[in-house]
Amino acid sequence: MILSDLLGVPVTDPAGAPLGRVADARFVLDGPLDGQLAAARLFGLLVSPHTGSSFLGYERRTMRAPYPIAVVLRWRHRGIFLLRWEDVERVDRDGVHARPGWTRYDATID
């Protein structure tokens, strides 16, 4: 599976209730060295309850310009949260399914 296959797909809780759509992914560089950088690992998925479109980097609290774009994107993605990859039970043709006991994390970063 490639990342573009996940973008925009529905995300459900363990009971099947909709949580939103995958808007983006968060990676960390903590793997073995791959050239000069550490290898990337999928940390989690950003889930937006209102839209499946990209946040275009405006989930960063310091990103405020151009102001009109920041305001619109923050409004469209209100309620966005991070679903850590370890909290994903499965991914299938119906979407992403959270495991029982999953946790909703703040998606904004500084």
PDB file of N, CA and C in Angstrom:
ATOM      1  N   MET A   1       0.840  -1.173   0.000  1.00  0.00           N
ATOM      2  CA  MET A   1       0.000   0.000   0.000  1.00  0.00           C
ATOM      3  C   MET A   1       0.888   1.240   0.000  1.00  0.00           C
ATOM      4  N   ILE A   2       0.475   2.231  -0.758  1.00  0.00           N
ATOM      5  CA  ILE A   2       1.192   3.496  -0.777  1.00  0.00           C
ATOM      6  C   ILE A   2       0.340   4.555  -0.071  1.00  0.00           C
ATOM      7  N   LEU A   3       0.998   5.618   0.384  1.00  0.00           N
ATOM      8  CA  LEU A   3       0.316   6.628   1.183  1.00  0.00           C
ATOM      9  C   LEU A   3      -0.903   7.203   0.479  1.00  0.00           C
ATOM     10  N   SER A   4      -0.818   7.435  -0.806  1.00  0.00           N
ATOM     11  CA  SER A   4      -1.965   8.028  -1.512  1.00  0.00           C
ATOM     12  C   SER A   4      -3.197   7.131  -1.451  1.00  0.00           C
ATOM     13  N   ASP A   5      -3.016   5.821  -1.210  1.00  0.00           N
ATOM     14  CA  ASP A   5      -4.156   4.917  -1.048  1.00  0.00           C
ATOM     15  C   ASP A   5      -4.915   5.196   0.250  1.00  0.00           C
ATOM     16  N   LEU A   6      -4.235   5.781   1.243  1.00  0.00           N
ATOM     17  CA  LEU A   6      -4.865   6.056   2.537  1.00  0.00           C
ATOM     18  C   LEU A   6      -5.528   7.432   2.611  1.00  0.00           C
ATOM     19  N   LEU A   7      -5.033   8.384   1.853  1.00  0.00           N
ATOM     20  CA  LEU A   7      -5.547   9.749   1.944  1.00  0.00           C
ATOM     21  C   LEU A   7      -7.005   9.820   1.512  1.00  0.00           C
ATOM     22  N   GLY A   8      -7.834  10.398   2.372  1.00  0.00           N
ATOM     23  CA  GLY A   8      -9.251  10.569   2.071  1.00  0.00           C
ATOM     24  C   GLY A   8     -10.132   9.393   2.429  1.00  0.00           C
ATOM     25  N   VAL A   9      -9.562   8.273   2.874  1.00  0.00           N
ATOM     26  CA  VAL A   9     -10.402   7.113   3.199  1.00  0.00           C
ATOM     27  C   VAL A   9     -11.043   7.299   4.574  1.00  0.00           C
ATOM     28  N   PRO A  10     -12.212   6.700   4.781  1.00  0.00           N
ATOM     29  CA  PRO A  10     -12.892   6.845   6.069  1.00  0.00           C
ATOM     30  C   PRO A  10     -12.162   6.112   7.192  1.00  0.00           C
ATOM     31  N   VAL A  11     -12.313   6.653   8.402  1.00  0.00           N
ATOM     32  CA  VAL A  11     -11.745   6.052   9.607  1.00  0.00           C
ATOM     33  C   VAL A  11     -12.916   5.789  10.550  1.00  0.00           C
ATOM     34  N   THR A  12     -12.960   4.582  11.122  1.00  0.00           N
ATOM     35  CA  THR A  12     -14.036   4.220  12.040  1.00  0.00           C
ATOM     36  C   THR A  12     -13.476   3.762  13.378  1.00  0.00           C
ATOM     37  N   ASP A  13     -14.300   3.881  14.409  1.00  0.00           N
ATOM     38  CA  ASP A  13     -13.905   3.381  15.724  1.00  0.00           C
ATOM     39  C   ASP A  13     -14.196   1.877  15.778  1.00  0.00           C
ATOM     40  N   PRO A  14     -13.864   1.200  16.873  1.00  0.00           N
ATOM     41  CA  PRO A  14     -14.072  -0.253  16.942  1.00  0.00           C
ATOM     42  C   PRO A  14     -15.520  -0.692  16.747  1.00  0.00           C
ATOM     43  N   ALA A  15     -16.476   0.190  17.071  1.00  0.00           N
ATOM     44  CA  ALA A  15     -17.894  -0.149  16.892  1.00  0.00           C
ATOM     45  C   ALA A  15     -18.385   0.131  15.477  1.00  0.00           C
ATOM     46  N   GLY A  16     -17.533   0.716  14.638  1.00  0.00           N
ATOM     47  CA  GLY A  16     -17.914   1.030  13.266  1.00  0.00           C
ATOM     48  C   GLY A  16     -18.436   2.439  13.074  1.00  0.00           C
ATOM     49  N   ALA A  17     -18.446   3.254  14.137  1.00  0.00           N
ATOM     50  CA  ALA A  17     -18.907   4.640  14.022  1.00  0.00           C
ATOM     51  C   ALA A  17     -17.850   5.481  13.309  1.00  0.00           C
ATOM     52  N   PRO A  18     -18.263   6.382  12.432  1.00  0.00           N
ATOM     53  CA  PRO A  18     -17.285   7.181  11.684  1.00  0.00           C
ATOM     54  C   PRO A  18     -16.569   8.191  12.579  1.00  0.00           C
ATOM     55  N   LEU A  19     -15.247   8.302  12.375  1.00  0.00           N
ATOM     56  CA  LEU A  19     -14.426   9.279  13.087  1.00  0.00           C
ATOM     57  C   LEU A  19     -13.997  10.424  12.178  1.00  0.00           C
ATOM     58  N   GLY A  20     -13.981  10.184  10.879  1.00  0.00           N
ATOM     59  CA  GLY A  20     -13.545  11.186   9.918  1.00  0.00           C
ATOM     60  C   GLY A  20     -12.846  10.523   8.750  1.00  0.00           C
ATOM     61  N   ARG A  21     -11.975  11.290   8.111  1.00  0.00           N
ATOM     62  CA  ARG A  21     -11.220  10.792   6.963  1.00  0.00           C
ATOM     63  C   ARG A  21      -9.737  11.086   7.158  1.00  0.00           C
ATOM     64  N   VAL A  22      -8.887  10.255   6.566  1.00  0.00           N
ATOM     65  CA  VAL A  22      -7.447  10.460   6.661  1.00  0.00           C
ATOM     66  C   VAL A  22      -7.092  11.700   5.850  1.00  0.00           C
ATOM     67  N   ALA A  23      -6.507  12.695   6.527  1.00  0.00           N
ATOM     68  CA  ALA A  23      -6.116  13.940   5.872  1.00  0.00           C
ATOM     69  C   ALA A  23      -4.624  13.981   5.575  1.00  0.00           C
ATOM     70  N   ASP A  24      -3.833  13.261   6.363  1.00  0.00           N
ATOM     71  CA  ASP A  24      -2.382  13.291   6.176  1.00  0.00           C
ATOM     72  C   ASP A  24      -1.763  12.197   7.027  1.00  0.00           C
ATOM     73  N   ALA A  25      -0.467  12.056   6.937  1.00  0.00           N
ATOM     74  CA  ALA A  25       0.268  11.073   7.730  1.00  0.00           C
ATOM     75  C   ALA A  25       1.426  11.771   8.435  1.00  0.00           C
ATOM     76  N   ARG A  26       1.822  11.224   9.549  1.00  0.00           N
ATOM     77  CA  ARG A  26       2.938  11.756  10.313  1.00  0.00           C
ATOM     78  C   ARG A  26       4.017  10.679  10.384  1.00  0.00           C
ATOM     79  N   PHE A  27       5.227  11.050  10.022  1.00  0.00           N
ATOM     80  CA  PHE A  27       6.358  10.132  10.043  1.00  0.00           C
ATOM     81  C   PHE A  27       7.396  10.611  11.045  1.00  0.00           C
ATOM     82  N   VAL A  28       8.213   9.687  11.542  1.00  0.00           N
ATOM     83  CA  VAL A  28       9.358  10.026  12.383  1.00  0.00           C
ATOM     84  C   VAL A  28      10.599   9.412  11.756  1.00  0.00           C
ATOM     85  N   LEU A  29      11.722  10.073  11.958  1.00  0.00           N
ATOM     86  CA  LEU A  29      12.999   9.568  11.452  1.00  0.00           C
ATOM     87  C   LEU A  29      13.753   8.952  12.622  1.00  0.00           C
ATOM     88  N   ASP A  30      13.494   7.681  12.889  1.00  0.00           N
ATOM     89  CA  ASP A  30      14.148   7.031  14.018  1.00  0.00           C
ATOM     90  C   ASP A  30      14.641   5.625  13.692  1.00  0.00           C
ATOM     91  N   GLY A  31      14.638   5.285  12.430  1.00  0.00           N
ATOM     92  CA  GLY A  31      15.101   3.968  12.024  1.00  0.00           C
ATOM     93  C   GLY A  31      16.601   3.929  11.833  1.00  0.00           C
ATOM     94  N   PRO A  32      17.101   2.839  11.282  1.00  0.00           N
ATOM     95  CA  PRO A  32      18.542   2.754  11.023  1.00  0.00           C
ATOM     96  C   PRO A  32      18.955   3.783   9.971  1.00  0.00           C
ATOM     97  N   LEU A  33      20.223   4.141   9.992  1.00  0.00           N
ATOM     98  CA  LEU A  33      20.713   5.132   9.033  1.00  0.00           C
ATOM     99  C   LEU A  33      20.491   4.656   7.609  1.00  0.00           C
ATOM    100  N   ASP A  34      19.980   5.564   6.809  1.00  0.00           N
ATOM    101  CA  ASP A  34      19.747   5.319   5.389  1.00  0.00           C
ATOM    102  C   ASP A  34      20.446   6.448   4.647  1.00  0.00           C
ATOM    103  N   GLY A  35      21.723   6.319   4.434  1.00  0.00           N
ATOM    104  CA  GLY A  35      22.523   7.420   3.898  1.00  0.00           C
ATOM    105  C   GLY A  35      22.889   8.340   5.039  1.00  0.00           C
ATOM    106  N   GLN A  36      22.495   9.599   4.952  1.00  0.00           N
ATOM    107  CA  GLN A  36      22.817  10.559   6.006  1.00  0.00           C
ATOM    108  C   GLN A  36      21.696  10.722   7.033  1.00  0.00           C
ATOM    109  N   LEU A  37      20.497  10.248   6.720  1.00  0.00           N
ATOM    110  CA  LEU A  37      19.359  10.379   7.627  1.00  0.00           C
ATOM    111  C   LEU A  37      18.904   9.011   8.117  1.00  0.00           C
ATOM    112  N   ALA A  38      18.197   9.020   9.228  1.00  0.00           N
ATOM    113  CA  ALA A  38      17.580   7.791   9.714  1.00  0.00           C
ATOM    114  C   ALA A  38      16.392   7.452   8.821  1.00  0.00           C
ATOM    115  N   ALA A  39      16.073   6.175   8.736  1.00  0.00           N
ATOM    116  CA  ALA A  39      14.938   5.732   7.927  1.00  0.00           C
ATOM    117  C   ALA A  39      13.626   6.227   8.545  1.00  0.00           C
ATOM    118  N   ALA A  40      12.673   6.539   7.697  1.00  0.00           N
ATOM    119  CA  ALA A  40      11.364   7.034   8.144  1.00  0.00           C
ATOM    120  C   ALA A  40      10.466   5.873   8.556  1.00  0.00           C
ATOM    121  N   ARG A  41       9.633   6.149   9.560  1.00  0.00           N
ATOM    122  CA  ARG A  41       8.655   5.187  10.049  1.00  0.00           C
ATOM    123  C   ARG A  41       7.318   5.910  10.205  1.00  0.00           C
ATOM    124  N   LEU A  42       6.235   5.262   9.783  1.00  0.00           N
ATOM    125  CA  LEU A  42       4.905   5.847   9.924  1.00  0.00           C
ATOM    126  C   LEU A  42       4.539   5.898  11.402  1.00  0.00           C
ATOM    127  N   PHE A  43       4.294   7.097  11.917  1.00  0.00           N
ATOM    128  CA  PHE A  43       3.956   7.305  13.329  1.00  0.00           C
ATOM    129  C   PHE A  43       2.445   7.291  13.534  1.00  0.00           C
ATOM    130  N   GLY A  44       1.707   7.890  12.595  1.00  0.00           N
ATOM    131  CA  GLY A  44       0.262   7.930  12.743  1.00  0.00           C
ATOM    132  C   GLY A  44      -0.418   8.633  11.592  1.00  0.00           C
ATOM    133  N   LEU A  45      -1.724   8.684  11.668  1.00  0.00           N
ATOM    134  CA  LEU A  45      -2.540   9.305  10.629  1.00  0.00           C
ATOM    135  C   LEU A  45      -3.287  10.493  11.221  1.00  0.00           C
ATOM    136  N   LEU A  46      -3.344  11.584  10.471  1.00  0.00           N
ATOM    137  CA  LEU A  46      -4.149  12.733  10.874  1.00  0.00           C
ATOM    138  C   LEU A  46      -5.562  12.498  10.347  1.00  0.00           C
ATOM    139  N   VAL A  47      -6.521  12.507  11.261  1.00  0.00           N
ATOM    140  CA  VAL A  47      -7.913  12.221  10.914  1.00  0.00           C
ATOM    141  C   VAL A  47      -8.733  13.492  11.110  1.00  0.00           C
ATOM    142  N   SER A  48      -9.393  13.916  10.051  1.00  0.00           N
ATOM    143  CA  SER A  48     -10.229  15.118  10.096  1.00  0.00           C
ATOM    144  C   SER A  48     -11.701  14.720  10.055  1.00  0.00           C
ATOM    145  N   PRO A  49     -12.489  15.158  11.052  1.00  0.00           N
ATOM    146  CA  PRO A  49     -13.902  14.800  11.069  1.00  0.00           C
ATOM    147  C   PRO A  49     -14.751  15.501  10.010  1.00  0.00           C
ATOM    148  N   HIS A  50     -14.209  16.543   9.361  1.00  0.00           N
ATOM    149  CA  HIS A  50     -15.017  17.332   8.432  1.00  0.00           C
ATOM    150  C   HIS A  50     -14.602  17.231   6.972  1.00  0.00           C
ATOM    151  N   THR A  51     -13.348  16.855   6.704  1.00  0.00           N
ATOM    152  CA  THR A  51     -12.872  16.805   5.318  1.00  0.00           C
ATOM    153  C   THR A  51     -11.707  15.832   5.196  1.00  0.00           C
ATOM    154  N   GLY A  52     -11.519  15.310   4.020  1.00  0.00           N
ATOM    155  CA  GLY A  52     -10.391  14.425   3.768  1.00  0.00           C
ATOM    156  C   GLY A  52      -9.263  15.127   3.046  1.00  0.00           C
ATOM    157  N   SER A  53      -9.400  16.441   2.848  1.00  0.00           N
ATOM    158  CA  SER A  53      -8.366  17.173   2.115  1.00  0.00           C
ATOM    159  C   SER A  53      -7.145  17.423   2.988  1.00  0.00           C
ATOM    160  N   SER A  54      -6.042  17.755   2.361  1.00  0.00           N
ATOM    161  CA  SER A  54      -4.785  17.983   3.072  1.00  0.00           C
ATOM    162  C   SER A  54      -4.842  19.256   3.901  1.00  0.00           C
ATOM    163  N   PHE A  55      -4.061  19.276   4.962  1.00  0.00           N
ATOM    164  CA  PHE A  55      -3.942  20.439   5.835  1.00  0.00           C
ATOM    165  C   PHE A  55      -2.861  21.388   5.324  1.00  0.00           C
ATOM    166  N   LEU A  56      -2.089  20.961   4.335  1.00  0.00           N
ATOM    167  CA  LEU A  56      -1.058  21.774   3.681  1.00  0.00           C
ATOM    168  C   LEU A  56      -0.041  22.365   4.658  1.00  0.00           C
ATOM    169  N   GLY A  57       0.194  21.690   5.770  1.00  0.00           N
ATOM    170  CA  GLY A  57       1.168  22.155   6.750  1.00  0.00           C
ATOM    171  C   GLY A  57       0.627  23.122   7.774  1.00  0.00           C
ATOM    172  N   TYR A  58      -0.645  23.497   7.668  1.00  0.00           N
ATOM    173  CA  TYR A  58      -1.209  24.477   8.591  1.00  0.00           C
ATOM    174  C   TYR A  58      -1.610  23.886   9.941  1.00  0.00           C
ATOM    175  N   GLU A  59      -1.294  22.589  10.178  1.00  0.00           N
ATOM    176  CA  GLU A  59      -1.515  22.046  11.513  1.00  0.00           C
ATOM    177  C   GLU A  59      -0.446  22.541  12.475  1.00  0.00           C
ATOM    178  N   ARG A  60       0.590  23.163  11.941  1.00  0.00           N
ATOM    179  CA  ARG A  60       1.631  23.740  12.784  1.00  0.00           C
ATOM    180  C   ARG A  60       1.130  25.057  13.370  1.00  0.00           C
ATOM    181  N   ARG A  61       1.215  25.189  14.674  1.00  0.00           N
ATOM    182  CA  ARG A  61       0.695  26.393  15.337  1.00  0.00           C
ATOM    183  C   ARG A  61       1.396  27.657  14.877  1.00  0.00           C
ATOM    184  N   THR A  62       2.656  27.541  14.466  1.00  0.00           N
ATOM    185  CA  THR A  62       3.410  28.729  14.064  1.00  0.00           C
ATOM    186  C   THR A  62       3.111  29.153  12.630  1.00  0.00           C
ATOM    187  N   MET A  63       2.410  28.332  11.868  1.00  0.00           N
ATOM    188  CA  MET A  63       2.093  28.642  10.474  1.00  0.00           C
ATOM    189  C   MET A  63       0.844  29.508  10.431  1.00  0.00           C
ATOM    190  N   ARG A  64       1.022  30.805  10.150  1.00  0.00           N
ATOM    191  CA  ARG A  64      -0.109  31.727  10.186  1.00  0.00           C
ATOM    192  C   ARG A  64      -0.259  32.564   8.921  1.00  0.00           C
ATOM    193  N   ALA A  65       0.629  32.419   7.980  1.00  0.00           N
ATOM    194  CA  ALA A  65       0.571  33.279   6.792  1.00  0.00           C
ATOM    195  C   ALA A  65       0.570  32.415   5.543  1.00  0.00           C
ATOM    196  N   PRO A  66      -0.121  32.784   4.512  1.00  0.00           N
ATOM    197  CA  PRO A  66      -1.033  33.917   4.455  1.00  0.00           C
ATOM    198  C   PRO A  66      -2.259  33.661   5.329  1.00  0.00           C
ATOM    199  N   TYR A  67      -2.630  34.669   6.065  1.00  0.00           N
ATOM    200  CA  TYR A  67      -3.658  34.577   7.091  1.00  0.00           C
ATOM    201  C   TYR A  67      -4.989  34.007   6.591  1.00  0.00           C
ATOM    202  N   PRO A  68      -5.538  34.465   5.458  1.00  0.00           N
ATOM    203  CA  PRO A  68      -6.840  33.924   5.023  1.00  0.00           C
ATOM    204  C   PRO A  68      -6.805  32.414   4.780  1.00  0.00           C
ATOM    205  N   ILE A  69      -5.717  31.924   4.231  1.00  0.00           N
ATOM    206  CA  ILE A  69      -5.618  30.479   3.973  1.00  0.00           C
ATOM    207  C   ILE A  69      -5.542  29.723   5.289  1.00  0.00           C
ATOM    208  N   ALA A  70      -4.745  30.236   6.223  1.00  0.00           N
ATOM    209  CA  ALA A  70      -4.626  29.585   7.530  1.00  0.00           C
ATOM    210  C   ALA A  70      -5.977  29.502   8.230  1.00  0.00           C
ATOM    211  N   VAL A  71      -6.742  30.567   8.192  1.00  0.00           N
ATOM    212  CA  VAL A  71      -8.051  30.600   8.854  1.00  0.00           C
ATOM    213  C   VAL A  71      -9.005  29.583   8.224  1.00  0.00           C
ATOM    214  N   VAL A  72      -9.072  29.558   6.914  1.00  0.00           N
ATOM    215  CA  VAL A  72      -9.978  28.633   6.226  1.00  0.00           C
ATOM    216  C   VAL A  72      -9.587  27.180   6.492  1.00  0.00           C
ATOM    217  N   LEU A  73      -8.305  26.865   6.383  1.00  0.00           N
ATOM    218  CA  LEU A  73      -7.882  25.483   6.592  1.00  0.00           C
ATOM    219  C   LEU A  73      -8.057  25.040   8.034  1.00  0.00           C
ATOM    220  N   ARG A  74      -7.786  25.912   8.975  1.00  0.00           N
ATOM    221  CA  ARG A  74      -8.005  25.545  10.380  1.00  0.00           C
ATOM    222  C   ARG A  74      -9.497  25.318  10.649  1.00  0.00           C
ATOM    223  N   TRP A  75     -10.358  26.103  10.035  1.00  0.00           N
ATOM    224  CA  TRP A  75     -11.792  25.904  10.211  1.00  0.00           C
ATOM    225  C   TRP A  75     -12.229  24.579   9.595  1.00  0.00           C
ATOM    226  N   ARG A  76     -11.761  24.282   8.389  1.00  0.00           N
ATOM    227  CA  ARG A  76     -12.131  23.026   7.710  1.00  0.00           C
ATOM    228  C   ARG A  76     -11.664  21.805   8.487  1.00  0.00           C
ATOM    229  N   HIS A  77     -10.531  21.942   9.169  1.00  0.00           N
ATOM    230  CA  HIS A  77      -9.963  20.801   9.891  1.00  0.00           C
ATOM    231  C   HIS A  77     -10.180  20.877  11.391  1.00  0.00           C
ATOM    232  N   ARG A  78     -11.165  21.665  11.827  1.00  0.00           N
ATOM    233  CA  ARG A  78     -11.440  21.735  13.261  1.00  0.00           C
ATOM    234  C   ARG A  78     -11.748  20.328  13.770  1.00  0.00           C
ATOM    235  N   GLY A  79     -11.198  20.017  14.908  1.00  0.00           N
ATOM    236  CA  GLY A  79     -11.400  18.690  15.480  1.00  0.00           C
ATOM    237  C   GLY A  79     -10.428  17.638  14.972  1.00  0.00           C
ATOM    238  N   ILE A  80      -9.456  18.026  14.141  1.00  0.00           N
ATOM    239  CA  ILE A  80      -8.498  17.052  13.614  1.00  0.00           C
ATOM    240  C   ILE A  80      -7.709  16.434  14.765  1.00  0.00           C
ATOM    241  N   PHE A  81      -7.398  15.154  14.629  1.00  0.00           N
ATOM    242  CA  PHE A  81      -6.627  14.477  15.669  1.00  0.00           C
ATOM    243  C   PHE A  81      -5.663  13.479  15.041  1.00  0.00           C
ATOM    244  N   LEU A  82      -4.708  13.053  15.864  1.00  0.00           N
ATOM    245  CA  LEU A  82      -3.715  12.076  15.448  1.00  0.00           C
ATOM    246  C   LEU A  82      -4.132  10.705  15.942  1.00  0.00           C
ATOM    247  N   LEU A  83      -4.234   9.763  15.040  1.00  0.00           N
ATOM    248  CA  LEU A  83      -4.462   8.358  15.361  1.00  0.00           C
ATOM    249  C   LEU A  83      -3.126   7.659  15.164  1.00  0.00           C
ATOM    250  N   ARG A  84      -2.484   7.294  16.276  1.00  0.00           N
ATOM    251  CA  ARG A  84      -1.162   6.659  16.152  1.00  0.00           C
ATOM    252  C   ARG A  84      -1.280   5.323  15.427  1.00  0.00           C
ATOM    253  N   TRP A  85      -0.266   4.972  14.679  1.00  0.00           N
ATOM    254  CA  TRP A  85      -0.283   3.762  13.865  1.00  0.00           C
ATOM    255  C   TRP A  85      -0.505   2.520  14.738  1.00  0.00           C
ATOM    256  N   GLU A  86       0.010   2.546  15.951  1.00  0.00           N
ATOM    257  CA  GLU A  86      -0.184   1.406  16.855  1.00  0.00           C
ATOM    258  C   GLU A  86      -1.648   1.268  17.286  1.00  0.00           C
ATOM    259  N   ASP A  87      -2.456   2.315  17.108  1.00  0.00           N
ATOM    260  CA  ASP A  87      -3.878   2.268  17.438  1.00  0.00           C
ATOM    261  C   ASP A  87      -4.748   1.864  16.247  1.00  0.00           C
ATOM    262  N   VAL A  88      -4.126   1.542  15.126  1.00  0.00           N
ATOM    263  CA  VAL A  88      -4.869   1.078  13.949  1.00  0.00           C
ATOM    264  C   VAL A  88      -4.956  -0.442  14.013  1.00  0.00           C
ATOM    265  N   GLU A  89      -6.163  -0.942  14.033  1.00  0.00           N
ATOM    266  CA  GLU A  89      -6.358  -2.386  14.083  1.00  0.00           C
ATOM    267  C   GLU A  89      -6.144  -3.023  12.712  1.00  0.00           C
ATOM    268  N   ARG A  90      -6.745  -2.384  11.690  1.00  0.00           N
ATOM    269  CA  ARG A  90      -6.597  -2.910  10.332  1.00  0.00           C
ATOM    270  C   ARG A  90      -6.941  -1.832   9.320  1.00  0.00           C
ATOM    271  N   VAL A  91      -6.445  -2.056   8.117  1.00  0.00           N
ATOM    272  CA  VAL A  91      -6.769  -1.220   6.965  1.00  0.00           C
ATOM    273  C   VAL A  91      -7.274  -2.175   5.892  1.00  0.00           C
ATOM    274  N   ASP A  92      -8.476  -1.906   5.410  1.00  0.00           N
ATOM    275  CA  ASP A  92      -9.034  -2.752   4.363  1.00  0.00           C
ATOM    276  C   ASP A  92      -9.752  -1.882   3.337  1.00  0.00           C
ATOM    277  N   ARG A  93     -10.494  -2.502   2.444  1.00  0.00           N
ATOM    278  CA  ARG A  93     -11.139  -1.732   1.375  1.00  0.00           C
ATOM    279  C   ARG A  93     -12.223  -0.795   1.902  1.00  0.00           C
ATOM    280  N   ASP A  94     -12.684  -1.020   3.143  1.00  0.00           N
ATOM    281  CA  ASP A  94     -13.691  -0.149   3.748  1.00  0.00           C
ATOM    282  C   ASP A  94     -13.071   1.049   4.457  1.00  0.00           C
ATOM    283  N   GLY A  95     -11.769   1.042   4.655  1.00  0.00           N
ATOM    284  CA  GLY A  95     -11.097   2.163   5.301  1.00  0.00           C
ATOM    285  C   GLY A  95     -10.159   1.731   6.408  1.00  0.00           C
ATOM    286  N   VAL A  96      -9.921   2.661   7.325  1.00  0.00           N
ATOM    287  CA  VAL A  96      -9.032   2.444   8.467  1.00  0.00           C
ATOM    288  C   VAL A  96      -9.908   2.198   9.690  1.00  0.00           C
ATOM    289  N   HIS A  97      -9.565   1.177  10.463  1.00  0.00           N
ATOM    290  CA  HIS A  97     -10.348   0.812  11.638  1.00  0.00           C
ATOM    291  C   HIS A  97      -9.474   0.918  12.881  1.00  0.00           C
ATOM    292  N   ALA A  98      -9.911   1.732  13.846  1.00  0.00           N
ATOM    293  CA  ALA A  98      -9.172   1.892  15.097  1.00  0.00           C
ATOM    294  C   ALA A  98      -9.374   0.668  15.973  1.00  0.00           C
ATOM    295  N   ARG A  99      -8.350   0.346  16.755  1.00  0.00           N
ATOM    296  CA  ARG A  99      -8.433  -0.804  17.654  1.00  0.00           C
ATOM    297  C   ARG A  99      -9.179  -0.410  18.931  1.00  0.00           C
ATOM    298  N   PRO A 100      -9.727  -1.373  19.648  1.00  0.00           N
ATOM    299  CA  PRO A 100     -10.351  -1.055  20.940  1.00  0.00           C
ATOM    300  C   PRO A 100      -9.315  -0.410  21.867  1.00  0.00           C
ATOM    301  N   GLY A 101      -9.729   0.616  22.583  1.00  0.00           N
ATOM    302  CA  GLY A 101      -8.838   1.308  23.504  1.00  0.00           C
ATOM    303  C   GLY A 101      -7.951   2.361  22.858  1.00  0.00           C
ATOM    304  N   TRP A 102      -8.239   2.727  21.621  1.00  0.00           N
ATOM    305  CA  TRP A 102      -7.433   3.727  20.924  1.00  0.00           C
ATOM    306  C   TRP A 102      -7.529   5.070  21.636  1.00  0.00           C
ATOM    307  N   THR A 103      -6.540   5.931  21.383  1.00  0.00           N
ATOM    308  CA  THR A 103      -6.484   7.241  22.018  1.00  0.00           C
ATOM    309  C   THR A 103      -6.450   8.333  20.959  1.00  0.00           C
ATOM    310  N   ARG A 104      -7.175   9.409  21.215  1.00  0.00           N
ATOM    311  CA  ARG A 104      -7.194  10.577  20.338  1.00  0.00           C
ATOM    312  C   ARG A 104      -6.097  11.533  20.831  1.00  0.00           C
ATOM    313  N   TYR A 105      -5.110  11.831  19.955  1.00  0.00           N
ATOM    314  CA  TYR A 105      -4.007  12.722  20.303  1.00  0.00           C
ATOM    315  C   TYR A 105      -4.147  14.053  19.561  1.00  0.00           C
ATOM    316  N   ASP A 106      -3.613  15.099  20.159  1.00  0.00           N
ATOM    317  CA  ASP A 106      -3.598  16.420  19.540  1.00  0.00           C
ATOM    318  C   ASP A 106      -2.767  16.366  18.260  1.00  0.00           C
ATOM    319  N   ALA A 107      -3.294  16.865  17.173  1.00  0.00           N
ATOM    320  CA  ALA A 107      -2.607  16.805  15.870  1.00  0.00           C
ATOM    321  C   ALA A 107      -1.744  18.015  15.605  1.00  0.00           C
ATOM    322  N   THR A 108      -1.918  19.073  16.374  1.00  0.00           N
ATOM    323  CA  THR A 108      -1.141  20.290  16.105  1.00  0.00           C
ATOM    324  C   THR A 108       0.275  20.131  16.649  1.00  0.00           C
ATOM    325  N   ILE A 109       1.207  20.746  15.961  1.00  0.00           N
ATOM    326  CA  ILE A 109       2.608  20.715  16.384  1.00  0.00           C
ATOM    327  C   ILE A 109       3.154  22.141  16.365  1.00  0.00           C
ATOM    328  N   ASP A 110       4.193  22.343  17.110  1.00  0.00           N
ATOM    329  CA  ASP A 110       4.823  23.673  17.150  1.00  0.00           C
ATOM    330  C   ASP A 110       5.923  23.796  16.121  1.00  0.00           C
TER     331      ASP A 110
END
